[in-house]
PDB file of N, CA and C in Angstrom:
ATOM      1  N   UNK A   1      -1.782  45.911  15.152  1.00  0.00           N
ATOM      2  CA  UNK A   1      -1.273  47.268  15.241  1.00  0.00           C
ATOM      3  C   UNK A   1      -0.147  47.318  16.274  1.00  0.00           C
ATOM      4  N   UNK A   2       0.931  47.984  15.945  1.00  0.00           N
ATOM      5  CA  UNK A   2       2.039  48.157  16.883  1.00  0.00           C
ATOM      6  C   UNK A   2       1.804  49.434  17.676  1.00  0.00           C
ATOM      7  N   UNK A   3       1.791  49.312  18.976  1.00  0.00           N
ATOM      8  CA  UNK A   3       1.567  50.467  19.827  1.00  0.00           C
ATOM      9  C   UNK A   3       2.875  51.232  20.011  1.00  0.00           C
ATOM     10  N   UNK A   4       2.808  52.519  20.359  1.00  0.00           N
ATOM     11  CA  UNK A   4       3.976  53.398  20.259  1.00  0.00           C
ATOM     12  C   UNK A   4       5.077  53.214  21.286  1.00  0.00           C
ATOM     13  N   UNK A   5       4.844  52.486  22.362  1.00  0.00           N
ATOM     14  CA  UNK A   5       5.941  52.272  23.301  1.00  0.00           C
ATOM     15  C   UNK A   5       5.860  50.885  23.889  1.00  0.00           C
ATOM     16  N   UNK A   6       7.020  50.388  24.179  1.00  0.00           N
ATOM     17  CA  UNK A   6       7.177  48.995  24.588  1.00  0.00           C
ATOM     18  C   UNK A   6       7.307  48.883  26.103  1.00  0.00           C
ATOM     19  N   UNK A   7       7.672  47.708  26.543  1.00  0.00           N
ATOM     20  CA  UNK A   7       7.849  47.374  27.946  1.00  0.00           C
ATOM     21  C   UNK A   7       8.969  48.201  28.573  1.00  0.00           C
ATOM     22  N   UNK A   8       8.758  48.617  29.805  1.00  0.00           N
ATOM     23  CA  UNK A   8       9.807  49.283  30.579  1.00  0.00           C
ATOM     24  C   UNK A   8       9.718  48.811  32.020  1.00  0.00           C
ATOM     25  N   UNK A   9      10.856  48.600  32.641  1.00  0.00           N
ATOM     26  CA  UNK A   9      10.913  48.246  34.052  1.00  0.00           C
ATOM     27  C   UNK A   9      11.985  49.105  34.694  1.00  0.00           C
ATOM     28  N   UNK A  10      11.671  49.651  35.866  1.00  0.00           N
ATOM     29  CA  UNK A  10      12.601  50.545  36.544  1.00  0.00           C
ATOM     30  C   UNK A  10      12.775  50.083  37.983  1.00  0.00           C
ATOM     31  N   UNK A  11      14.025  49.885  38.394  1.00  0.00           N
ATOM     32  CA  UNK A  11      14.348  49.562  39.774  1.00  0.00           C
ATOM     33  C   UNK A  11      14.597  50.880  40.496  1.00  0.00           C
ATOM     34  N   UNK A  12      13.599  51.345  41.264  1.00  0.00           N
ATOM     35  CA  UNK A  12      13.716  52.637  41.940  1.00  0.00           C
ATOM     36  C   UNK A  12      14.718  52.602  43.094  1.00  0.00           C
ATOM     37  N   UNK A  13      15.087  51.418  43.565  1.00  0.00           N
ATOM     38  CA  UNK A  13      16.097  51.303  44.622  1.00  0.00           C
ATOM     39  C   UNK A  13      17.433  51.864  44.141  1.00  0.00           C
ATOM     40  N   UNK A  14      17.710  51.762  42.841  1.00  0.00           N
ATOM     41  CA  UNK A  14      18.965  52.285  42.286  1.00  0.00           C
ATOM     42  C   UNK A  14      18.964  53.811  42.215  1.00  0.00           C
ATOM     43  N   UNK A  15      17.764  54.401  42.261  1.00  0.00           N
ATOM     44  CA  UNK A  15      17.642  55.856  42.163  1.00  0.00           C
ATOM     45  C   UNK A  15      17.425  56.489  43.539  1.00  0.00           C
ATOM     46  N   UNK A  16      16.559  55.867  44.333  1.00  0.00           N
ATOM     47  CA  UNK A  16      16.202  56.378  45.659  1.00  0.00           C
ATOM     48  C   UNK A  16      16.473  55.282  46.683  1.00  0.00           C
ATOM     49  N   UNK A  17      17.434  55.479  47.544  1.00  0.00           N
ATOM     50  CA  UNK A  17      17.817  54.445  48.504  1.00  0.00           C
ATOM     51  C   UNK A  17      16.942  54.452  49.754  1.00  0.00           C
ATOM     52  N   UNK A  18      16.226  55.537  50.023  1.00  0.00           N
ATOM     53  CA  UNK A  18      15.446  55.639  51.253  1.00  0.00           C
ATOM     54  C   UNK A  18      14.182  54.786  51.184  1.00  0.00           C
ATOM     55  N   UNK A  19      13.849  54.190  52.314  1.00  0.00           N
ATOM     56  CA  UNK A  19      12.591  53.461  52.434  1.00  0.00           C
ATOM     57  C   UNK A  19      11.476  54.460  52.721  1.00  0.00           C
ATOM     58  N   UNK A  20      10.261  54.016  52.623  1.00  0.00           N
ATOM     59  CA  UNK A  20       9.087  54.849  52.885  1.00  0.00           C
ATOM     60  C   UNK A  20       9.140  56.115  52.030  1.00  0.00           C
ATOM     61  N   UNK A  21       9.214  55.889  50.743  1.00  0.00           N
ATOM     62  CA  UNK A  21       9.341  56.973  49.774  1.00  0.00           C
ATOM     63  C   UNK A  21       8.220  56.915  48.751  1.00  0.00           C
ATOM     64  N   UNK A  22       8.058  58.018  48.042  1.00  0.00           N
ATOM     65  CA  UNK A  22       7.083  58.112  46.958  1.00  0.00           C
ATOM     66  C   UNK A  22       7.792  58.658  45.727  1.00  0.00           C
ATOM     67  N   UNK A  23       7.504  58.073  44.571  1.00  0.00           N
ATOM     68  CA  UNK A  23       8.045  58.578  43.310  1.00  0.00           C
ATOM     69  C   UNK A  23       6.881  58.795  42.346  1.00  0.00           C
ATOM     70  N   UNK A  24       6.936  59.901  41.627  1.00  0.00           N
ATOM     71  CA  UNK A  24       5.962  60.185  40.575  1.00  0.00           C
ATOM     72  C   UNK A  24       6.689  60.085  39.237  1.00  0.00           C
ATOM     73  N   UNK A  25       6.043  59.424  38.297  1.00  0.00           N
ATOM     74  CA  UNK A  25       6.620  59.275  36.962  1.00  0.00           C
ATOM     75  C   UNK A  25       5.625  59.851  35.971  1.00  0.00           C
ATOM     76  N   UNK A  26       6.114  60.671  35.061  1.00  0.00           N
ATOM     77  CA  UNK A  26       5.250  61.357  34.106  1.00  0.00           C
ATOM     78  C   UNK A  26       5.735  61.077  32.694  1.00  0.00           C
ATOM     79  N   UNK A  27       4.773  60.868  31.812  1.00  0.00           N
ATOM     80  CA  UNK A  27       5.108  60.695  30.397  1.00  0.00           C
ATOM     81  C   UNK A  27       4.064  61.415  29.566  1.00  0.00           C
ATOM     82  N   UNK A  28       4.522  62.046  28.514  1.00  0.00           N
ATOM     83  CA  UNK A  28       3.616  62.624  27.520  1.00  0.00           C
ATOM     84  C   UNK A  28       3.667  61.723  26.291  1.00  0.00           C
ATOM     85  N   UNK A  29       2.511  61.221  25.914  1.00  0.00           N
ATOM     86  CA  UNK A  29       2.421  60.260  24.816  1.00  0.00           C
ATOM     87  C   UNK A  29       1.547  60.871  23.732  1.00  0.00           C
ATOM     88  N   UNK A  30       2.112  61.007  22.537  1.00  0.00           N
ATOM     89  CA  UNK A  30       1.361  61.604  21.436  1.00  0.00           C
ATOM     90  C   UNK A  30       0.880  60.496  20.502  1.00  0.00           C
ATOM     91  N   UNK A  31      -0.413  60.523  20.208  1.00  0.00           N
ATOM     92  CA  UNK A  31      -1.035  59.527  19.340  1.00  0.00           C
ATOM     93  C   UNK A  31      -1.539  60.194  18.063  1.00  0.00           C
ATOM     94  N   UNK A  32      -1.336  59.523  16.944  1.00  0.00           N
ATOM     95  CA  UNK A  32      -1.811  60.032  15.662  1.00  0.00           C
ATOM     96  C   UNK A  32      -3.331  59.926  15.554  1.00  0.00           C
ATOM     97  N   UNK A  33      -3.892  58.979  16.303  1.00  0.00           N
ATOM     98  CA  UNK A  33      -5.347  58.799  16.315  1.00  0.00           C
ATOM     99  C   UNK A  33      -5.737  58.210  17.667  1.00  0.00           C
ATOM    100  N   UNK A  34      -7.029  58.238  17.988  1.00  0.00           N
ATOM    101  CA  UNK A  34      -7.491  57.603  19.220  1.00  0.00           C
ATOM    102  C   UNK A  34      -7.085  56.132  19.198  1.00  0.00           C
ATOM    103  N   UNK A  35      -6.521  55.659  20.311  1.00  0.00           N
ATOM    104  CA  UNK A  35      -5.966  54.309  20.366  1.00  0.00           C
ATOM    105  C   UNK A  35      -6.372  53.621  21.662  1.00  0.00           C
ATOM    106  N   UNK A  36      -7.012  52.457  21.535  1.00  0.00           N
ATOM    107  CA  UNK A  36      -7.374  51.657  22.700  1.00  0.00           C
ATOM    108  C   UNK A  36      -6.284  50.629  22.944  1.00  0.00           C
ATOM    109  N   UNK A  37      -6.078  50.292  24.203  1.00  0.00           N
ATOM    110  CA  UNK A  37      -5.092  49.285  24.553  1.00  0.00           C
ATOM    111  C   UNK A  37      -5.302  48.819  25.971  1.00  0.00           C
ATOM    112  N   UNK A  38      -4.374  48.014  26.443  1.00  0.00           N
ATOM    113  CA  UNK A  38      -4.366  47.535  27.819  1.00  0.00           C
ATOM    114  C   UNK A  38      -3.016  47.910  28.417  1.00  0.00           C
ATOM    115  N   UNK A  39      -3.050  48.606  29.540  1.00  0.00           N
ATOM    116  CA  UNK A  39      -1.836  48.996  30.226  1.00  0.00           C
ATOM    117  C   UNK A  39      -1.496  47.921  31.254  1.00  0.00           C
ATOM    118  N   UNK A  40      -0.379  47.216  31.050  1.00  0.00           N
ATOM    119  CA  UNK A  40       0.090  46.227  32.010  1.00  0.00           C
ATOM    120  C   UNK A  40       0.966  46.917  33.036  1.00  0.00           C
ATOM    121  N   UNK A  41       0.668  46.694  34.332  1.00  0.00           N
ATOM    122  CA  UNK A  41       1.369  47.402  35.409  1.00  0.00           C
ATOM    123  C   UNK A  41       1.851  46.406  36.457  1.00  0.00           C
ATOM    124  N   UNK A  42       3.063  46.599  36.915  1.00  0.00           N
ATOM    125  CA  UNK A  42       3.586  45.906  38.085  1.00  0.00           C
ATOM    126  C   UNK A  42       4.235  46.948  38.973  1.00  0.00           C
ATOM    127  N   UNK A  43       4.092  46.826  40.283  1.00  0.00           N
ATOM    128  CA  UNK A  43       4.670  47.840  41.174  1.00  0.00           C
ATOM    129  C   UNK A  43       4.964  47.237  42.539  1.00  0.00           C
ATOM    130  N   UNK A  44       5.953  47.800  43.190  1.00  0.00           N
ATOM    131  CA  UNK A  44       6.312  47.411  44.544  1.00  0.00           C
ATOM    132  C   UNK A  44       6.506  48.711  45.311  1.00  0.00           C
ATOM    133  N   UNK A  45       5.667  49.105  46.166  1.00  0.00           N
ATOM    134  CA  UNK A  45       4.648  48.343  46.867  1.00  0.00           C
ATOM    135  C   UNK A  45       3.227  48.729  46.430  1.00  0.00           C
ATOM    136  N   UNK A  46       2.982  49.976  46.146  1.00  0.00           N
ATOM    137  CA  UNK A  46       1.636  50.419  45.773  1.00  0.00           C
ATOM    138  C   UNK A  46       1.731  51.341  44.560  1.00  0.00           C
ATOM    139  N   UNK A  47       0.634  51.412  43.798  1.00  0.00           N
ATOM    140  CA  UNK A  47       0.640  52.218  42.581  1.00  0.00           C
ATOM    141  C   UNK A  47      -0.709  52.901  42.387  1.00  0.00           C
ATOM    142  N   UNK A  48      -0.654  54.110  41.861  1.00  0.00           N
ATOM    143  CA  UNK A  48      -1.821  54.815  41.349  1.00  0.00           C
ATOM    144  C   UNK A  48      -1.453  55.307  39.951  1.00  0.00           C
ATOM    145  N   UNK A  49      -2.438  55.296  39.039  1.00  0.00           N
ATOM    146  CA  UNK A  49      -2.190  55.678  37.651  1.00  0.00           C
ATOM    147  C   UNK A  49      -3.267  56.664  37.208  1.00  0.00           C
ATOM    148  N   UNK A  50      -2.818  57.773  36.606  1.00  0.00           N
ATOM    149  CA  UNK A  50      -3.733  58.752  36.034  1.00  0.00           C
ATOM    150  C   UNK A  50      -3.461  58.854  34.538  1.00  0.00           C
ATOM    151  N   UNK A  51      -4.529  58.935  33.752  1.00  0.00           N
ATOM    152  CA  UNK A  51      -4.424  59.198  32.321  1.00  0.00           C
ATOM    153  C   UNK A  51      -5.230  60.448  32.039  1.00  0.00           C
ATOM    154  N   UNK A  52      -4.542  61.477  31.544  1.00  0.00           N
ATOM    155  CA  UNK A  52      -5.166  62.763  31.240  1.00  0.00           C
ATOM    156  C   UNK A  52      -5.957  63.309  32.424  1.00  0.00           C
ATOM    157  N   UNK A  53      -5.349  63.200  33.622  1.00  0.00           N
ATOM    158  CA  UNK A  53      -5.935  63.772  34.827  1.00  0.00           C
ATOM    159  C   UNK A  53      -6.976  62.908  35.512  1.00  0.00           C
ATOM    160  N   UNK A  54      -7.320  61.768  34.951  1.00  0.00           N
ATOM    161  CA  UNK A  54      -8.328  60.876  35.539  1.00  0.00           C
ATOM    162  C   UNK A  54      -7.643  59.666  36.188  1.00  0.00           C
ATOM    163  N   UNK A  55      -7.960  59.427  37.463  1.00  0.00           N
ATOM    164  CA  UNK A  55      -7.425  58.247  38.142  1.00  0.00           C
ATOM    165  C   UNK A  55      -8.044  57.015  37.500  1.00  0.00           C
ATOM    166  N   UNK A  56      -7.193  56.159  36.902  1.00  0.00           N
ATOM    167  CA  UNK A  56      -7.713  54.991  36.192  1.00  0.00           C
ATOM    168  C   UNK A  56      -7.382  53.682  36.896  1.00  0.00           C
ATOM    169  N   UNK A  57      -6.463  53.737  37.905  1.00  0.00           N
ATOM    170  CA  UNK A  57      -6.083  52.497  38.571  1.00  0.00           C
ATOM    171  C   UNK A  57      -5.355  52.782  39.869  1.00  0.00           C
ATOM    172  N   UNK A  58      -5.591  51.909  40.870  1.00  0.00           N
ATOM    173  CA  UNK A  58      -4.797  51.934  42.092  1.00  0.00           C
ATOM    174  C   UNK A  58      -4.825  50.550  42.715  1.00  0.00           C
ATOM    175  N   UNK A  59      -3.686  50.171  43.300  1.00  0.00           N
ATOM    176  CA  UNK A  59      -3.576  48.846  43.887  1.00  0.00           C
ATOM    177  C   UNK A  59      -2.322  48.787  44.760  1.00  0.00           C
ATOM    178  N   UNK A  60      -2.357  47.916  45.756  1.00  0.00           N
ATOM    179  CA  UNK A  60      -1.172  47.563  46.529  1.00  0.00           C
ATOM    180  C   UNK A  60      -0.748  46.192  46.032  1.00  0.00           C
ATOM    181  N   UNK A  61       0.413  46.108  45.410  1.00  0.00           N
ATOM    182  CA  UNK A  61       0.821  44.886  44.731  1.00  0.00           C
ATOM    183  C   UNK A  61       1.869  44.128  45.536  1.00  0.00           C
ATOM    184  N   UNK A  62       2.927  44.779  45.961  1.00  0.00           N
ATOM    185  CA  UNK A  62       3.947  44.122  46.763  1.00  0.00           C
ATOM    186  C   UNK A  62       5.003  43.373  45.986  1.00  0.00           C
ATOM    187  N   UNK A  63       5.152  43.661  44.718  1.00  0.00           N
ATOM    188  CA  UNK A  63       6.201  43.046  43.916  1.00  0.00           C
ATOM    189  C   UNK A  63       6.076  43.495  42.477  1.00  0.00           C
ATOM    190  N   UNK A  64       7.198  43.642  41.794  1.00  0.00           N
ATOM    191  CA  UNK A  64       7.165  44.072  40.396  1.00  0.00           C
ATOM    192  C   UNK A  64       7.018  42.835  39.523  1.00  0.00           C
ATOM    193  N   UNK A  65       5.776  42.533  39.167  1.00  0.00           N
ATOM    194  CA  UNK A  65       5.472  41.403  38.297  1.00  0.00           C
ATOM    195  C   UNK A  65       4.885  41.950  37.002  1.00  0.00           C
ATOM    196  N   UNK A  66       5.484  41.602  35.891  1.00  0.00           N
ATOM    197  CA  UNK A  66       5.020  42.074  34.591  1.00  0.00           C
ATOM    198  C   UNK A  66       3.532  41.785  34.420  1.00  0.00           C
ATOM    199  N   UNK A  67       2.772  42.819  34.100  1.00  0.00           N
ATOM    200  CA  UNK A  67       1.331  42.712  33.828  1.00  0.00           C
ATOM    201  C   UNK A  67       0.541  42.156  35.005  1.00  0.00           C
ATOM    202  N   UNK A  68       1.006  42.377  36.234  1.00  0.00           N
ATOM    203  CA  UNK A  68       0.248  41.941  37.403  1.00  0.00           C
ATOM    204  C   UNK A  68      -1.164  42.499  37.341  1.00  0.00           C
ATOM    205  N   UNK A  69      -1.275  43.766  37.002  1.00  0.00           N
ATOM    206  CA  UNK A  69      -2.574  44.417  36.794  1.00  0.00           C
ATOM    207  C   UNK A  69      -2.687  44.783  35.327  1.00  0.00           C
ATOM    208  N   UNK A  70      -3.872  44.623  34.791  1.00  0.00           N
ATOM    209  CA  UNK A  70      -4.130  44.957  33.380  1.00  0.00           C
ATOM    210  C   UNK A  70      -5.304  45.926  33.349  1.00  0.00           C
ATOM    211  N   UNK A  71      -5.049  47.132  32.855  1.00  0.00           N
ATOM    212  CA  UNK A  71      -6.042  48.205  32.885  1.00  0.00           C
ATOM    213  C   UNK A  71      -6.390  48.620  31.459  1.00  0.00           C
ATOM    214  N   UNK A  72      -7.666  48.513  31.058  1.00  0.00           N
ATOM    215  CA  UNK A  72      -8.060  48.997  29.732  1.00  0.00           C
ATOM    216  C   UNK A  72      -7.910  50.519  29.666  1.00  0.00           C
ATOM    217  N   UNK A  73      -7.327  51.020  28.591  1.00  0.00           N
ATOM    218  CA  UNK A  73      -7.123  52.459  28.425  1.00  0.00           C
ATOM    219  C   UNK A  73      -7.487  52.868  27.003  1.00  0.00           C
ATOM    220  N   UNK A  74      -7.824  54.134  26.856  1.00  0.00           N
ATOM    221  CA  UNK A  74      -8.017  54.723  25.535  1.00  0.00           C
ATOM    222  C   UNK A  74      -7.263  56.041  25.510  1.00  0.00           C
ATOM    223  N   UNK A  75      -6.259  56.115  24.651  1.00  0.00           N
ATOM    224  CA  UNK A  75      -5.513  57.351  24.460  1.00  0.00           C
ATOM    225  C   UNK A  75      -6.223  58.166  23.388  1.00  0.00           C
ATOM    226  N   UNK A  76      -6.397  59.442  23.653  1.00  0.00           N
ATOM    227  CA  UNK A  76      -7.042  60.303  22.665  1.00  0.00           C
ATOM    228  C   UNK A  76      -6.038  60.707  21.585  1.00  0.00           C
ATOM    229  N   UNK A  77      -6.540  61.193  20.478  1.00  0.00           N
ATOM    230  CA  UNK A  77      -5.672  61.716  19.419  1.00  0.00           C
ATOM    231  C   UNK A  77      -4.930  62.929  19.968  1.00  0.00           C
ATOM    232  N   UNK A  78      -3.653  63.019  19.665  1.00  0.00           N
ATOM    233  CA  UNK A  78      -2.844  64.138  20.139  1.00  0.00           C
ATOM    234  C   UNK A  78      -2.088  63.766  21.402  1.00  0.00           C
ATOM    235  N   UNK A  79      -1.835  64.772  22.246  1.00  0.00           N
ATOM    236  CA  UNK A  79      -1.011  64.577  23.440  1.00  0.00           C
ATOM    237  C   UNK A  79      -1.835  64.008  24.591  1.00  0.00           C
ATOM    238  N   UNK A  80      -1.235  63.035  25.279  1.00  0.00           N
ATOM    239  CA  UNK A  80      -1.825  62.400  26.454  1.00  0.00           C
ATOM    240  C   UNK A  80      -0.813  62.454  27.586  1.00  0.00           C
ATOM    241  N   UNK A  81      -1.310  62.645  28.795  1.00  0.00           N
ATOM    242  CA  UNK A  81      -0.459  62.691  29.976  1.00  0.00           C
ATOM    243  C   UNK A  81      -0.695  61.435  30.805  1.00  0.00           C
ATOM    244  N   UNK A  82       0.362  60.683  31.080  1.00  0.00           N
ATOM    245  CA  UNK A  82       0.290  59.490  31.911  1.00  0.00           C
ATOM    246  C   UNK A  82       1.160  59.721  33.150  1.00  0.00           C
ATOM    247  N   UNK A  83       0.567  59.545  34.344  1.00  0.00           N
ATOM    248  CA  UNK A  83       1.282  59.742  35.603  1.00  0.00           C
ATOM    249  C   UNK A  83       1.139  58.483  36.446  1.00  0.00           C
ATOM    250  N   UNK A  84       2.253  57.995  36.974  1.00  0.00           N
ATOM    251  CA  UNK A  84       2.255  56.882  37.920  1.00  0.00           C
ATOM    252  C   UNK A  84       2.813  57.385  39.240  1.00  0.00           C
ATOM    253  N   UNK A  85       2.167  56.986  40.320  1.00  0.00           N
ATOM    254  CA  UNK A  85       2.660  57.261  41.673  1.00  0.00           C
ATOM    255  C   UNK A  85       3.014  55.915  42.277  1.00  0.00           C
ATOM    256  N   UNK A  86       4.272  55.734  42.663  1.00  0.00           N
ATOM    257  CA  UNK A  86       4.750  54.496  43.259  1.00  0.00           C
ATOM    258  C   UNK A  86       5.109  54.790  44.712  1.00  0.00           C
ATOM    259  N   UNK A  87       4.565  53.993  45.624  1.00  0.00           N
ATOM    260  CA  UNK A  87       4.803  54.165  47.054  1.00  0.00           C
ATOM    261  C   UNK A  87       5.591  52.975  47.580  1.00  0.00           C
ATOM    262  N   UNK A  88       6.668  53.259  48.309  1.00  0.00           N
ATOM    263  CA  UNK A  88       7.497  52.209  48.895  1.00  0.00           C
ATOM    264  C   UNK A  88       7.286  52.174  50.394  1.00  0.00           C
ATOM    265  N   UNK A  89       6.861  51.020  50.912  1.00  0.00           N
ATOM    266  CA  UNK A  89       6.687  50.842  52.350  1.00  0.00           C
ATOM    267  C   UNK A  89       7.978  50.390  53.015  1.00  0.00           C
ATOM    268  N   UNK A  90       8.940  49.928  52.243  1.00  0.00           N
ATOM    269  CA  UNK A  90      10.217  49.480  52.783  1.00  0.00           C
ATOM    270  C   UNK A  90      10.834  48.438  51.877  1.00  0.00           C
ATOM    271  N   UNK A  91      12.153  48.396  51.840  1.00  0.00           N
ATOM    272  CA  UNK A  91      12.848  47.421  51.014  1.00  0.00           C
ATOM    273  C   UNK A  91      12.930  47.851  49.563  1.00  0.00           C
ATOM    274  N   UNK A  92      13.309  46.925  48.683  1.00  0.00           N
ATOM    275  CA  UNK A  92      13.416  47.242  47.258  1.00  0.00           C
ATOM    276  C   UNK A  92      12.064  47.680  46.690  1.00  0.00           C
ATOM    277  N   UNK A  93      12.122  48.536  45.676  1.00  0.00           N
ATOM    278  CA  UNK A  93      10.888  48.986  45.047  1.00  0.00           C
ATOM    279  C   UNK A  93      11.120  49.354  43.610  1.00  0.00           C
ATOM    280  N   UNK A  94      10.045  49.394  42.835  1.00  0.00           N
ATOM    281  CA  UNK A  94      10.145  49.721  41.428  1.00  0.00           C
ATOM    282  C   UNK A  94       8.806  49.546  40.745  1.00  0.00           C
ATOM    283  N   UNK A  95       8.844  49.553  39.421  1.00  0.00           N
ATOM    284  CA  UNK A  95       7.607  49.396  38.656  1.00  0.00           C
ATOM    285  C   UNK A  95       7.932  48.866  37.272  1.00  0.00           C
ATOM    286  N   UNK A  96       6.907  48.335  36.627  1.00  0.00           N
ATOM    287  CA  UNK A  96       6.985  47.974  35.215  1.00  0.00           C
ATOM    288  C   UNK A  96       5.699  48.435  34.561  1.00  0.00           C
ATOM    289  N   UNK A  97       5.790  48.722  33.284  1.00  0.00           N
ATOM    290  CA  UNK A  97       4.593  49.099  32.539  1.00  0.00           C
ATOM    291  C   UNK A  97       4.811  48.764  31.071  1.00  0.00           C
ATOM    292  N   UNK A  98       3.721  48.413  30.414  1.00  0.00           N
ATOM    293  CA  UNK A  98       3.772  48.262  28.973  1.00  0.00           C
ATOM    294  C   UNK A  98       2.361  48.405  28.436  1.00  0.00           C
ATOM    295  N   UNK A  99       2.272  48.878  27.224  1.00  0.00           N
ATOM    296  CA  UNK A  99       0.992  49.047  26.555  1.00  0.00           C
ATOM    297  C   UNK A  99       0.837  47.917  25.547  1.00  0.00           C
ATOM    298  N   UNK A 100      -0.312  47.248  25.628  1.00  0.00           N
ATOM    299  CA  UNK A 100      -0.582  46.121  24.753  1.00  0.00           C
ATOM    300  C   UNK A 100      -1.850  46.380  23.935  1.00  0.00           C
ATOM    301  N   UNK A 101      -2.002  45.634  22.870  1.00  0.00           N
ATOM    302  CA  UNK A 101      -3.246  45.687  22.121  1.00  0.00           C
ATOM    303  C   UNK A 101      -4.388  45.229  23.015  1.00  0.00           C
ATOM    304  N   UNK A 102      -5.601  45.753  22.767  1.00  0.00           N
ATOM    305  CA  UNK A 102      -6.752  45.347  23.613  1.00  0.00           C
ATOM    306  C   UNK A 102      -7.086  43.878  23.455  1.00  0.00           C
TER     307      UNK A 102
END
């Protein structure tokens, strides 16, 4: 099964030059049916992830590595809200995410 969105990586240093910053990223994802998958996450420096208002993951990673963390997820049928909080302790920062088959 092909999942509805592919890999994305964002260099937040190009958007926010200040150190010791926080960025929130929000996405609304609509599914035709309930869909299970694995969310691959990389972040520099720390990340928290909420799916439909539930905290599903948090970690201090220290580098944007593709699929550094792999979190099982289930998207419900219809609209889903995905929120990432990225915290920068200093220096370059960013995140990557992709949804994979379980």
